[in-house]
């Protein structure tokens, strides 16, 4: 059994969903292309998120 992490009531989650939908609807990407962009975003933002996490723990 997997735990559902997405919460459609959270604005931050809604923004990710809207971004993916916008890539498909407005930018004309396929679903697979939109997920490729999402993976690239994850790779690029990872160092900044790690730094934010370190600062929060300090």
PDB file of N, CA and C in Angstrom:
ATOM      1  N   UNK A   1       0.852  -1.175   0.000  1.00  0.00           N
ATOM      2  CA  UNK A   1       0.000   0.000   0.000  1.00  0.00           C
ATOM      3  C   UNK A   1       0.900   1.241   0.000  1.00  0.00           C
ATOM      4  N   UNK A   2       0.642   2.155  -0.912  1.00  0.00           N
ATOM      5  CA  UNK A   2       1.460   3.362  -0.975  1.00  0.00           C
ATOM      6  C   UNK A   2       0.728   4.539  -0.336  1.00  0.00           C
ATOM      7  N   UNK A   3       1.507   5.387   0.292  1.00  0.00           N
ATOM      8  CA  UNK A   3       0.963   6.572   0.943  1.00  0.00           C
ATOM      9  C   UNK A   3       0.810   7.674  -0.100  1.00  0.00           C
ATOM     10  N   UNK A   4      -0.350   8.292  -0.178  1.00  0.00           N
ATOM     11  CA  UNK A   4      -0.569   9.384  -1.117  1.00  0.00           C
ATOM     12  C   UNK A   4       0.059  10.645  -0.554  1.00  0.00           C
ATOM     13  N   UNK A   5       0.950  11.247  -1.324  1.00  0.00           N
ATOM     14  CA  UNK A   5       1.658  12.435  -0.883  1.00  0.00           C
ATOM     15  C   UNK A   5       1.021  13.717  -1.416  1.00  0.00           C
ATOM     16  N   UNK A   6       0.382  13.626  -2.581  1.00  0.00           N
ATOM     17  CA  UNK A   6      -0.214  14.816  -3.178  1.00  0.00           C
ATOM     18  C   UNK A   6      -1.447  15.241  -2.381  1.00  0.00           C
ATOM     19  N   UNK A   7      -1.514  16.541  -2.119  1.00  0.00           N
ATOM     20  CA  UNK A   7      -2.670  17.114  -1.423  1.00  0.00           C
ATOM     21  C   UNK A   7      -3.165  18.286  -2.264  1.00  0.00           C
ATOM     22  N   UNK A   8      -4.259  18.077  -2.973  1.00  0.00           N
ATOM     23  CA  UNK A   8      -4.778  19.102  -3.881  1.00  0.00           C
ATOM     24  C   UNK A   8      -5.275  20.342  -3.155  1.00  0.00           C
ATOM     25  N   UNK A   9      -5.344  20.294  -1.848  1.00  0.00           N
ATOM     26  CA  UNK A   9      -5.755  21.467  -1.076  1.00  0.00           C
ATOM     27  C   UNK A   9      -4.583  22.402  -0.784  1.00  0.00           C
ATOM     28  N   UNK A  10      -3.349  21.938  -1.009  1.00  0.00           N
ATOM     29  CA  UNK A  10      -2.169  22.763  -0.769  1.00  0.00           C
ATOM     30  C   UNK A  10      -1.837  23.571  -2.021  1.00  0.00           C
ATOM     31  N   UNK A  11      -1.662  24.869  -1.844  1.00  0.00           N
ATOM     32  CA  UNK A  11      -1.366  25.756  -2.967  1.00  0.00           C
ATOM     33  C   UNK A  11      -0.101  25.336  -3.703  1.00  0.00           C
ATOM     34  N   UNK A  12       0.922  24.947  -2.980  1.00  0.00           N
ATOM     35  CA  UNK A  12       2.176  24.556  -3.628  1.00  0.00           C
ATOM     36  C   UNK A  12       1.971  23.349  -4.544  1.00  0.00           C
ATOM     37  N   UNK A  13       1.141  22.405  -4.150  1.00  0.00           N
ATOM     38  CA  UNK A  13       0.853  21.240  -4.977  1.00  0.00           C
ATOM     39  C   UNK A  13       0.014  21.654  -6.188  1.00  0.00           C
ATOM     40  N   UNK A  14      -0.939  22.550  -5.966  1.00  0.00           N
ATOM     41  CA  UNK A  14      -1.774  23.052  -7.059  1.00  0.00           C
ATOM     42  C   UNK A  14      -0.930  23.747  -8.123  1.00  0.00           C
ATOM     43  N   UNK A  15       0.114  24.455  -7.675  1.00  0.00           N
ATOM     44  CA  UNK A  15       0.969  25.174  -8.614  1.00  0.00           C
ATOM     45  C   UNK A  15       1.772  24.203  -9.490  1.00  0.00           C
ATOM     46  N   UNK A  16       2.230  23.103  -8.910  1.00  0.00           N
ATOM     47  CA  UNK A  16       2.945  22.094  -9.695  1.00  0.00           C
ATOM     48  C   UNK A  16       2.002  21.482 -10.728  1.00  0.00           C
ATOM     49  N   UNK A  17       0.801  21.145 -10.295  1.00  0.00           N
ATOM     50  CA  UNK A  17      -0.199  20.562 -11.204  1.00  0.00           C
ATOM     51  C   UNK A  17      -0.518  21.548 -12.332  1.00  0.00           C
ATOM     52  N   UNK A  18      -0.740  22.813 -11.971  1.00  0.00           N
ATOM     53  CA  UNK A  18      -1.053  23.828 -12.977  1.00  0.00           C
ATOM     54  C   UNK A  18       0.103  24.004 -13.956  1.00  0.00           C
ATOM     55  N   UNK A  19       1.328  23.942 -13.448  1.00  0.00           N
ATOM     56  CA  UNK A  19       2.495  24.059 -14.323  1.00  0.00           C
ATOM     57  C   UNK A  19       2.565  22.929 -15.337  1.00  0.00           C
ATOM     58  N   UNK A  20       2.327  21.711 -14.876  1.00  0.00           N
ATOM     59  CA  UNK A  20       2.333  20.565 -15.793  1.00  0.00           C
ATOM     60  C   UNK A  20       1.208  20.679 -16.819  1.00  0.00           C
ATOM     61  N   UNK A  21       0.018  21.065 -16.361  1.00  0.00           N
ATOM     62  CA  UNK A  21      -1.115  21.232 -17.284  1.00  0.00           C
ATOM     63  C   UNK A  21      -0.822  22.334 -18.297  1.00  0.00           C
ATOM     64  N   UNK A  22      -0.194  23.412 -17.844  1.00  0.00           N
ATOM     65  CA  UNK A  22       0.157  24.505 -18.748  1.00  0.00           C
ATOM     66  C   UNK A  22       1.150  24.076 -19.806  1.00  0.00           C
ATOM     67  N   UNK A  23       2.101  23.226 -19.430  1.00  0.00           N
ATOM     68  CA  UNK A  23       3.065  22.743 -20.422  1.00  0.00           C
ATOM     69  C   UNK A  23       2.367  21.961 -21.527  1.00  0.00           C
ATOM     70  N   UNK A  24       1.353  21.184 -21.145  1.00  0.00           N
ATOM     71  CA  UNK A  24       0.627  20.381 -22.135  1.00  0.00           C
ATOM     72  C   UNK A  24      -0.354  21.257 -22.924  1.00  0.00           C
ATOM     73  N   UNK A  25      -1.181  22.016 -22.215  1.00  0.00           N
ATOM     74  CA  UNK A  25      -2.228  22.809 -22.864  1.00  0.00           C
ATOM     75  C   UNK A  25      -1.681  24.035 -23.608  1.00  0.00           C
ATOM     76  N   UNK A  26      -0.837  24.811 -22.946  1.00  0.00           N
ATOM     77  CA  UNK A  26      -0.391  26.088 -23.508  1.00  0.00           C
ATOM     78  C   UNK A  26       0.874  25.967 -24.355  1.00  0.00           C
ATOM     79  N   UNK A  27       1.805  25.116 -23.910  1.00  0.00           N
ATOM     80  CA  UNK A  27       3.080  24.997 -24.608  1.00  0.00           C
ATOM     81  C   UNK A  27       3.064  23.909 -25.673  1.00  0.00           C
ATOM     82  N   UNK A  28       2.030  23.090 -25.683  1.00  0.00           N
ATOM     83  CA  UNK A  28       1.900  22.059 -26.710  1.00  0.00           C
ATOM     84  C   UNK A  28       2.790  20.842 -26.501  1.00  0.00           C
ATOM     85  N   UNK A  29       3.301  20.651 -25.291  1.00  0.00           N
ATOM     86  CA  UNK A  29       4.128  19.484 -25.027  1.00  0.00           C
ATOM     87  C   UNK A  29       3.256  18.249 -24.854  1.00  0.00           C
ATOM     88  N   UNK A  30       3.840  17.094 -25.120  1.00  0.00           N
ATOM     89  CA  UNK A  30       3.148  15.857 -24.784  1.00  0.00           C
ATOM     90  C   UNK A  30       3.293  15.629 -23.291  1.00  0.00           C
ATOM     91  N   UNK A  31       2.524  14.704 -22.774  1.00  0.00           N
ATOM     92  CA  UNK A  31       2.627  14.368 -21.359  1.00  0.00           C
ATOM     93  C   UNK A  31       4.055  13.930 -21.030  1.00  0.00           C
ATOM     94  N   UNK A  32       4.639  13.125 -21.893  1.00  0.00           N
ATOM     95  CA  UNK A  32       5.992  12.627 -21.650  1.00  0.00           C
ATOM     96  C   UNK A  32       7.013  13.762 -21.678  1.00  0.00           C
ATOM     97  N   UNK A  33       6.856  14.702 -22.586  1.00  0.00           N
ATOM     98  CA  UNK A  33       7.751  15.851 -22.642  1.00  0.00           C
ATOM     99  C   UNK A  33       7.621  16.708 -21.386  1.00  0.00           C
ATOM    100  N   UNK A  34       6.394  16.891 -20.907  1.00  0.00           N
ATOM    101  CA  UNK A  34       6.174  17.678 -19.693  1.00  0.00           C
ATOM    102  C   UNK A  34       6.873  17.020 -18.502  1.00  0.00           C
ATOM    103  N   UNK A  35       6.830  15.701 -18.426  1.00  0.00           N
ATOM    104  CA  UNK A  35       7.507  15.015 -17.330  1.00  0.00           C
ATOM    105  C   UNK A  35       9.022  15.067 -17.489  1.00  0.00           C
ATOM    106  N   UNK A  36       9.517  15.112 -18.722  1.00  0.00           N
ATOM    107  CA  UNK A  36      10.954  15.297 -18.940  1.00  0.00           C
ATOM    108  C   UNK A  36      11.384  16.673 -18.436  1.00  0.00           C
ATOM    109  N   UNK A  37      10.569  17.697 -18.704  1.00  0.00           N
ATOM    110  CA  UNK A  37      10.868  19.041 -18.201  1.00  0.00           C
ATOM    111  C   UNK A  37      10.858  19.018 -16.671  1.00  0.00           C
ATOM    112  N   UNK A  38       9.879  18.352 -16.081  1.00  0.00           N
ATOM    113  CA  UNK A  38       9.799  18.259 -14.629  1.00  0.00           C
ATOM    114  C   UNK A  38      11.051  17.596 -14.056  1.00  0.00           C
ATOM    115  N   UNK A  39      11.526  16.536 -14.690  1.00  0.00           N
ATOM    116  CA  UNK A  39      12.748  15.871 -14.226  1.00  0.00           C
ATOM    117  C   UNK A  39      13.942  16.812 -14.317  1.00  0.00           C
ATOM    118  N   UNK A  40      14.024  17.608 -15.386  1.00  0.00           N
ATOM    119  CA  UNK A  40      15.117  18.564 -15.524  1.00  0.00           C
ATOM    120  C   UNK A  40      15.035  19.641 -14.444  1.00  0.00           C
ATOM    121  N   UNK A  41      13.834  20.097 -14.169  1.00  0.00           N
ATOM    122  CA  UNK A  41      13.640  21.084 -13.099  1.00  0.00           C
ATOM    123  C   UNK A  41      14.110  20.492 -11.770  1.00  0.00           C
ATOM    124  N   UNK A  42      13.747  19.247 -11.500  1.00  0.00           N
ATOM    125  CA  UNK A  42      14.162  18.598 -10.256  1.00  0.00           C
ATOM    126  C   UNK A  42      15.680  18.540 -10.148  1.00  0.00           C
ATOM    127  N   UNK A  43      16.352  18.186 -11.246  1.00  0.00           N
ATOM    128  CA  UNK A  43      17.820  18.113 -11.225  1.00  0.00           C
ATOM    129  C   UNK A  43      18.436  19.484 -10.974  1.00  0.00           C
ATOM    130  N   UNK A  44      17.881  20.506 -11.606  1.00  0.00           N
ATOM    131  CA  UNK A  44      18.458  21.841 -11.487  1.00  0.00           C
ATOM    132  C   UNK A  44      18.189  22.492 -10.129  1.00  0.00           C
ATOM    133  N   UNK A  45      17.058  22.206  -9.528  1.00  0.00           N
ATOM    134  CA  UNK A  45      16.684  22.869  -8.281  1.00  0.00           C
ATOM    135  C   UNK A  45      17.183  22.113  -7.047  1.00  0.00           C
ATOM    136  N   UNK A  46      17.636  20.881  -7.213  1.00  0.00           N
ATOM    137  CA  UNK A  46      18.062  20.052  -6.091  1.00  0.00           C
ATOM    138  C   UNK A  46      19.084  20.737  -5.183  1.00  0.00           C
ATOM    139  N   UNK A  47      20.167  21.318  -5.728  1.00  0.00           N
ATOM    140  CA  UNK A  47      21.142  21.961  -4.834  1.00  0.00           C
ATOM    141  C   UNK A  47      20.539  23.094  -3.994  1.00  0.00           C
ATOM    142  N   UNK A  48      19.670  23.887  -4.582  1.00  0.00           N
ATOM    143  CA  UNK A  48      19.044  24.989  -3.839  1.00  0.00           C
ATOM    144  C   UNK A  48      18.139  24.453  -2.734  1.00  0.00           C
ATOM    145  N   UNK A  49      17.407  23.394  -3.010  1.00  0.00           N
ATOM    146  CA  UNK A  49      16.534  22.805  -1.989  1.00  0.00           C
ATOM    147  C   UNK A  49      17.351  22.191  -0.859  1.00  0.00           C
ATOM    148  N   UNK A  50      18.487  21.582  -1.197  1.00  0.00           N
ATOM    149  CA  UNK A  50      19.361  21.027  -0.163  1.00  0.00           C
ATOM    150  C   UNK A  50      19.875  22.132   0.746  1.00  0.00           C
ATOM    151  N   UNK A  51      20.271  23.264   0.159  1.00  0.00           N
ATOM    152  CA  UNK A  51      20.749  24.384   0.945  1.00  0.00           C
ATOM    153  C   UNK A  51      19.642  24.930   1.851  1.00  0.00           C
ATOM    154  N   UNK A  52      18.435  25.037   1.325  1.00  0.00           N
ATOM    155  CA  UNK A  52      17.306  25.495   2.133  1.00  0.00           C
ATOM    156  C   UNK A  52      17.067  24.561   3.313  1.00  0.00           C
ATOM    157  N   UNK A  53      17.157  23.267   3.072  1.00  0.00           N
ATOM    158  CA  UNK A  53      16.950  22.291   4.129  1.00  0.00           C
ATOM    159  C   UNK A  53      18.046  22.416   5.193  1.00  0.00           C
ATOM    160  N   UNK A  54      19.291  22.574   4.763  1.00  0.00           N
ATOM    161  CA  UNK A  54      20.398  22.721   5.713  1.00  0.00           C
ATOM    162  C   UNK A  54      20.207  23.968   6.574  1.00  0.00           C
ATOM    163  N   UNK A  55      19.799  25.066   5.962  1.00  0.00           N
ATOM    164  CA  UNK A  55      19.597  26.310   6.704  1.00  0.00           C
ATOM    165  C   UNK A  55      18.452  26.193   7.700  1.00  0.00           C
ATOM    166  N   UNK A  56      17.427  25.465   7.330  1.00  0.00           N
ATOM    167  CA  UNK A  56      16.282  25.274   8.223  1.00  0.00           C
ATOM    168  C   UNK A  56      16.667  24.462   9.457  1.00  0.00           C
ATOM    169  N   UNK A  57      17.560  23.496   9.279  1.00  0.00           N
ATOM    170  CA  UNK A  57      17.999  22.657  10.397  1.00  0.00           C
ATOM    171  C   UNK A  57      18.974  23.387  11.315  1.00  0.00           C
ATOM    172  N   UNK A  58      19.636  24.403  10.795  1.00  0.00           N
ATOM    173  CA  UNK A  58      20.660  25.106  11.591  1.00  0.00           C
ATOM    174  C   UNK A  58      20.053  26.008  12.647  1.00  0.00           C
TER     175      UNK A  58
END
